[in-house]
Amino acid sequence: MGITSWIGIVSNFFGFLLLLGLYLYSASRAFSRLGRAIKIEREKSAYKPADEQRILMLIRYGMKEQKYYLESNLNIERFSEQIGLSPKDVSYIINTQLKCNFLEFVNSHRVEEAKRILLLDESRVAIEVMYDAGFNSKSSFYRVFKNATGYSPNQYRLANNTGFLTDSESHENKPSKIQ
């Protein structure tokens, strides 16, 4: 092996070390930025427990008492405006306190309303119930209702009317005897 071969090997070795060093440097900077981003996120979401409870109370009041979920075009901006809070606050509290997102929160209230209507008035067809509960899409109504209850709307009504569900089961979000 000649001197030129050794020079080539050493040159390749130093090139490799240089590339490895650049990779490690950029990886450490990326992890450093990630750590700062997590710290900023924690600081940004520092609500006092009393404030969180007050915001949660306003959110629940808007849904349960004012029944804003009945508006088929409801979005987080409109809802936040109606209850006098910022969308950021509403989103944060729903995500952290209720462990769901805004759409899941609204749809859970819509499903409860649909269940109530289905059992209250047997003459109403599912599509009428869908609109009255705040849904504006048949496919999303059926999908969300089935995911929440384990039944299609008609199966849910039938199961409740034929006694397949007990009183406590009719209000739970799980399938019982009918699949």
Foldseek 3Di string as FASTA:
>chain_A
DDPVVVVVVVVVVVVVVVVVVVVVVVVVVVVVVVVVVVVVVVVVPDDDPVVLVVLVVLLCCCCPVVVPLLALPDDLCVSCVVSVHHSVSNQSSCCPVVVDGPVLVSLVQLLVQLLVVVQPDVVDDSVVSCNRSRHDDPVVQQVSNCQQAVDGSVVLSVCVVVVVADPVSNPHRYYGPDD
